[in-house]
Amino acid sequence: MNYGWKGIGVDLNLHDNEHNKSSREWSERKNTKLYSEDATTIDYEKCFIENNMPSVIDYLSIDLEPPTITFEAFKKLPHEKYKFKIIHYEQDAYRMPIGGWTGDGQSWLNHTREYICSLGYKYVMTNDQDDYYELI
């Protein structure tokens, strides 16, 4: 089903991007620009400008491996210029400790949730390993 949504996708592995481009899911997203780059080093502000993204974006889904990389990439977003109405954030707290984090899963949750909420979002709920936030 085509909803006319516009967005960007970032995936380090070009092979995966090529697979995604030919998959049914991506073929229905004709307005989605895919970037084959490292999500922790890509210039998100430049991508947002190139794609005429509004300052308030409807939806952000972020999920990288390991979960510490998800957090690192999330911090790289230009939060001072762009906000998201809904954030779907895969926190993978059950996998802790991992990726340089020496604390347990609960301390990881506290750490990520405090940071995201400090940016003007409200924690809404958790579904398995995914946290959901909304813009205040």
C-alpha atoms as a PDB file:
ATOM      1  CA  MET A   1       0.000   0.000   0.000  1.00  0.00           C
ATOM      2  CA  ASN A   2       1.442   3.374  -0.983  1.00  0.00           C
ATOM      3  CA  TYR A   3       0.843   6.153   1.526  1.00  0.00           C
ATOM      4  CA  GLY A   4       2.980   8.732  -0.269  1.00  0.00           C
ATOM      5  CA  TRP A   5       5.421   8.872   2.622  1.00  0.00           C
ATOM      6  CA  LYS A   6       8.781  10.543   2.092  1.00  0.00           C
ATOM      7  CA  GLY A   7      11.914   9.735   4.002  1.00  0.00           C
ATOM      8  CA  ILE A   8      15.494   8.594   4.126  1.00  0.00           C
ATOM      9  CA  GLY A   9      17.106   5.313   5.061  1.00  0.00           C
ATOM     10  CA  VAL A  10      20.701   4.773   6.151  1.00  0.00           C
ATOM     11  CA  ASP A  11      22.411   1.378   5.933  1.00  0.00           C
ATOM     12  CA  LEU A  12      26.151   0.766   6.000  1.00  0.00           C
ATOM     13  CA  ASN A  13      25.990  -2.299   3.779  1.00  0.00           C
ATOM     14  CA  LEU A  14      25.447  -1.413   0.127  1.00  0.00           C
ATOM     15  CA  HIS A  15      24.447  -5.016  -0.597  1.00  0.00           C
ATOM     16  CA  ASP A  16      21.631  -4.695   1.924  1.00  0.00           C
ATOM     17  CA  ASN A  17      20.598  -1.405   0.368  1.00  0.00           C
ATOM     18  CA  GLU A  18      20.499  -2.983  -3.088  1.00  0.00           C
ATOM     19  CA  HIS A  19      18.410  -5.797  -1.625  1.00  0.00           C
ATOM     20  CA  ASN A  20      16.155  -3.269   0.077  1.00  0.00           C
ATOM     21  CA  LYS A  21      15.691  -1.284  -3.128  1.00  0.00           C
ATOM     22  CA  SER A  22      14.349  -4.347  -4.898  1.00  0.00           C
ATOM     23  CA  SER A  23      12.211  -5.601  -2.027  1.00  0.00           C
ATOM     24  CA  ARG A  24       8.468  -5.013  -2.012  1.00  0.00           C
ATOM     25  CA  GLU A  25       8.736  -2.854   1.104  1.00  0.00           C
ATOM     26  CA  TRP A  26      11.179  -0.403  -0.486  1.00  0.00           C
ATOM     27  CA  SER A  27       9.588  -0.553  -3.932  1.00  0.00           C
ATOM     28  CA  GLU A  28       6.443   0.899  -2.380  1.00  0.00           C
ATOM     29  CA  ARG A  29       8.464   3.764  -0.903  1.00  0.00           C
ATOM     30  CA  LYS A  30       9.272   5.615  -4.070  1.00  0.00           C
ATOM     31  CA  ASN A  31       9.931   8.819  -2.125  1.00  0.00           C
ATOM     32  CA  THR A  32      12.623   7.248   0.076  1.00  0.00           C
ATOM     33  CA  LYS A  33      16.271   8.105  -0.497  1.00  0.00           C
ATOM     34  CA  LEU A  34      18.654   5.343   0.641  1.00  0.00           C
ATOM     35  CA  TYR A  35      22.163   6.164   1.815  1.00  0.00           C
ATOM     36  CA  SER A  36      24.819   3.459   2.023  1.00  0.00           C
ATOM     37  CA  GLU A  37      26.854   5.091   4.769  1.00  0.00           C
ATOM     38  CA  ASP A  38      27.881   4.631   8.376  1.00  0.00           C
ATOM     39  CA  ALA A  39      24.988   5.839  10.543  1.00  0.00           C
ATOM     40  CA  THR A  40      27.464   7.157  13.123  1.00  0.00           C
ATOM     41  CA  THR A  41      29.384   9.366  10.689  1.00  0.00           C
ATOM     42  CA  ILE A  42      26.880  10.435   8.032  1.00  0.00           C
ATOM     43  CA  ASP A  43      26.044  14.142   7.924  1.00  0.00           C
ATOM     44  CA  TYR A  44      22.347  13.953   8.836  1.00  0.00           C
ATOM     45  CA  GLU A  45      21.802  17.673   8.555  1.00  0.00           C
ATOM     46  CA  LYS A  46      23.096  17.609   4.977  1.00  0.00           C
ATOM     47  CA  CYS A  47      20.831  14.614   4.182  1.00  0.00           C
ATOM     48  CA  PHE A  48      17.821  16.360   5.685  1.00  0.00           C
ATOM     49  CA  ILE A  49      18.518  19.532   3.706  1.00  0.00           C
ATOM     50  CA  GLU A  50      19.101  17.590   0.442  1.00  0.00           C
ATOM     51  CA  ASN A  51      15.757  15.861   0.917  1.00  0.00           C
ATOM     52  CA  ASN A  52      13.819  18.978   1.950  1.00  0.00           C
ATOM     53  CA  MET A  53      12.868  17.451   5.289  1.00  0.00           C
ATOM     54  CA  PRO A  54      10.692  19.674   7.497  1.00  0.00           C
ATOM     55  CA  SER A  55      11.995  20.823  10.875  1.00  0.00           C
ATOM     56  CA  VAL A  56       9.420  18.552  12.525  1.00  0.00           C
ATOM     57  CA  ILE A  57       9.558  15.066  11.007  1.00  0.00           C
ATOM     58  CA  ASP A  58       6.686  12.654  11.588  1.00  0.00           C
ATOM     59  CA  TYR A  59       8.570   9.461  12.438  1.00  0.00           C
ATOM     60  CA  LEU A  60      12.055   8.191  13.289  1.00  0.00           C
ATOM     61  CA  SER A  61      12.903   4.510  13.524  1.00  0.00           C
ATOM     62  CA  ILE A  62      16.423   3.728  14.667  1.00  0.00           C
ATOM     63  CA  ASP A  63      17.905   0.252  15.131  1.00  0.00           C
ATOM     64  CA  LEU A  64      21.587  -0.590  14.750  1.00  0.00           C
ATOM     65  CA  GLU A  65      23.818  -3.321  16.125  1.00  0.00           C
ATOM     66  CA  PRO A  66      25.081  -3.352  18.820  1.00  0.00           C
ATOM     67  CA  PRO A  67      22.686  -1.113  20.795  1.00  0.00           C
ATOM     68  CA  THR A  68      25.498   1.221  21.831  1.00  0.00           C
ATOM     69  CA  ILE A  69      25.863   2.118  18.137  1.00  0.00           C
ATOM     70  CA  THR A  70      22.129   2.900  17.964  1.00  0.00           C
ATOM     71  CA  PHE A  71      22.645   5.418  20.753  1.00  0.00           C
ATOM     72  CA  GLU A  72      25.781   6.856  19.140  1.00  0.00           C
ATOM     73  CA  ALA A  73      23.960   7.370  15.823  1.00  0.00           C
ATOM     74  CA  PHE A  74      20.945   8.895  17.594  1.00  0.00           C
ATOM     75  CA  LYS A  75      23.214  11.469  19.266  1.00  0.00           C
ATOM     76  CA  LYS A  76      24.586  12.465  15.816  1.00  0.00           C
ATOM     77  CA  LEU A  77      21.169  13.628  14.588  1.00  0.00           C
ATOM     78  CA  PRO A  78      20.854  17.441  14.408  1.00  0.00           C
ATOM     79  CA  HIS A  79      18.445  17.615  17.363  1.00  0.00           C
ATOM     80  CA  GLU A  80      18.820  21.375  17.681  1.00  0.00           C
ATOM     81  CA  LYS A  81      17.323  21.883  14.192  1.00  0.00           C
ATOM     82  CA  TYR A  82      15.060  18.856  13.696  1.00  0.00           C
ATOM     83  CA  LYS A  83      12.488  17.133  15.914  1.00  0.00           C
ATOM     84  CA  PHE A  84      10.466  13.955  15.476  1.00  0.00           C
ATOM     85  CA  LYS A  85       6.792  13.569  16.388  1.00  0.00           C
ATOM     86  CA  ILE A  86       7.294   9.862  17.161  1.00  0.00           C
ATOM     87  CA  ILE A  87      10.529   7.993  17.841  1.00  0.00           C
ATOM     88  CA  HIS A  88      10.753   4.212  17.629  1.00  0.00           C
ATOM     89  CA  TYR A  89      14.060   3.440  19.348  1.00  0.00           C
ATOM     90  CA  GLU A  90      15.376  -0.122  19.653  1.00  0.00           C
ATOM     91  CA  GLN A  91      17.239  -0.070  22.960  1.00  0.00           C
ATOM     92  CA  ASP A  92      18.075  -3.824  23.262  1.00  0.00           C
ATOM     93  CA  ALA A  93      18.616  -3.531  27.021  1.00  0.00           C
ATOM     94  CA  TYR A  94      18.394  -7.306  27.360  1.00  0.00           C
ATOM     95  CA  ARG A  95      21.768  -7.556  25.583  1.00  0.00           C
ATOM     96  CA  MET A  96      23.722  -5.547  28.158  1.00  0.00           C
ATOM     97  CA  PRO A  97      26.575  -5.347  28.946  1.00  0.00           C
ATOM     98  CA  ILE A  98      27.797  -4.953  25.361  1.00  0.00           C
ATOM     99  CA  GLY A  99      29.703  -2.594  23.106  1.00  0.00           C
ATOM    100  CA  GLY A 100      31.701  -0.851  25.821  1.00  0.00           C
ATOM    101  CA  TRP A 101      28.756  -0.413  28.211  1.00  0.00           C
ATOM    102  CA  THR A 102      29.690  -2.017  31.515  1.00  0.00           C
ATOM    103  CA  GLY A 103      26.376  -1.482  33.275  1.00  0.00           C
ATOM    104  CA  ASP A 104      23.348  -3.706  33.286  1.00  0.00           C
ATOM    105  CA  GLY A 105      20.202  -3.470  31.153  1.00  0.00           C
ATOM    106  CA  GLN A 106      18.309  -1.236  33.579  1.00  0.00           C
ATOM    107  CA  SER A 107      21.145   1.287  33.787  1.00  0.00           C
ATOM    108  CA  TRP A 108      21.265   1.279  29.961  1.00  0.00           C
ATOM    109  CA  LEU A 109      17.541   2.002  29.800  1.00  0.00           C
ATOM    110  CA  ASN A 110      17.887   4.819  32.322  1.00  0.00           C
ATOM    111  CA  HIS A 111      20.825   6.281  30.396  1.00  0.00           C
ATOM    112  CA  THR A 112      19.143   6.262  26.974  1.00  0.00           C
ATOM    113  CA  ARG A 113      15.728   7.340  28.255  1.00  0.00           C
ATOM    114  CA  GLU A 114      17.131  10.273  30.239  1.00  0.00           C
ATOM    115  CA  TYR A 115      19.050  11.490  27.206  1.00  0.00           C
ATOM    116  CA  ILE A 116      16.115  11.203  24.788  1.00  0.00           C
ATOM    117  CA  CYS A 117      13.724  12.863  27.245  1.00  0.00           C
ATOM    118  CA  SER A 118      16.242  15.695  27.783  1.00  0.00           C
ATOM    119  CA  LEU A 119      15.742  16.577  24.104  1.00  0.00           C
ATOM    120  CA  GLY A 120      12.045  17.348  24.575  1.00  0.00           C
ATOM    121  CA  TYR A 121      10.459  13.935  24.192  1.00  0.00           C
ATOM    122  CA  LYS A 122       8.181  11.987  26.486  1.00  0.00           C
ATOM    123  CA  TYR A 123       8.685   8.264  27.006  1.00  0.00           C
ATOM    124  CA  VAL A 124       5.423   6.543  26.020  1.00  0.00           C
ATOM    125  CA  MET A 125       5.915   2.786  26.220  1.00  0.00           C
ATOM    126  CA  THR A 126       8.106  -0.242  25.613  1.00  0.00           C
ATOM    127  CA  ASN A 127       7.262  -3.158  23.352  1.00  0.00           C
ATOM    128  CA  ASP A 128       9.845  -5.924  23.840  1.00  0.00           C
ATOM    129  CA  GLN A 129      13.191  -4.223  23.107  1.00  0.00           C
ATOM    130  CA  ASP A 130      11.668  -1.106  21.505  1.00  0.00           C
ATOM    131  CA  ASP A 131      10.992   2.174  23.273  1.00  0.00           C
ATOM    132  CA  TYR A 132       8.524   4.716  21.908  1.00  0.00           C
ATOM    133  CA  TYR A 133       8.669   8.461  22.520  1.00  0.00           C
ATOM    134  CA  GLU A 134       6.559  11.399  21.458  1.00  0.00           C
ATOM    135  CA  LEU A 135       7.476  15.043  21.037  1.00  0.00           C
ATOM    136  CA  ILE A 136       6.272  17.169  23.931  1.00  0.00           C
END
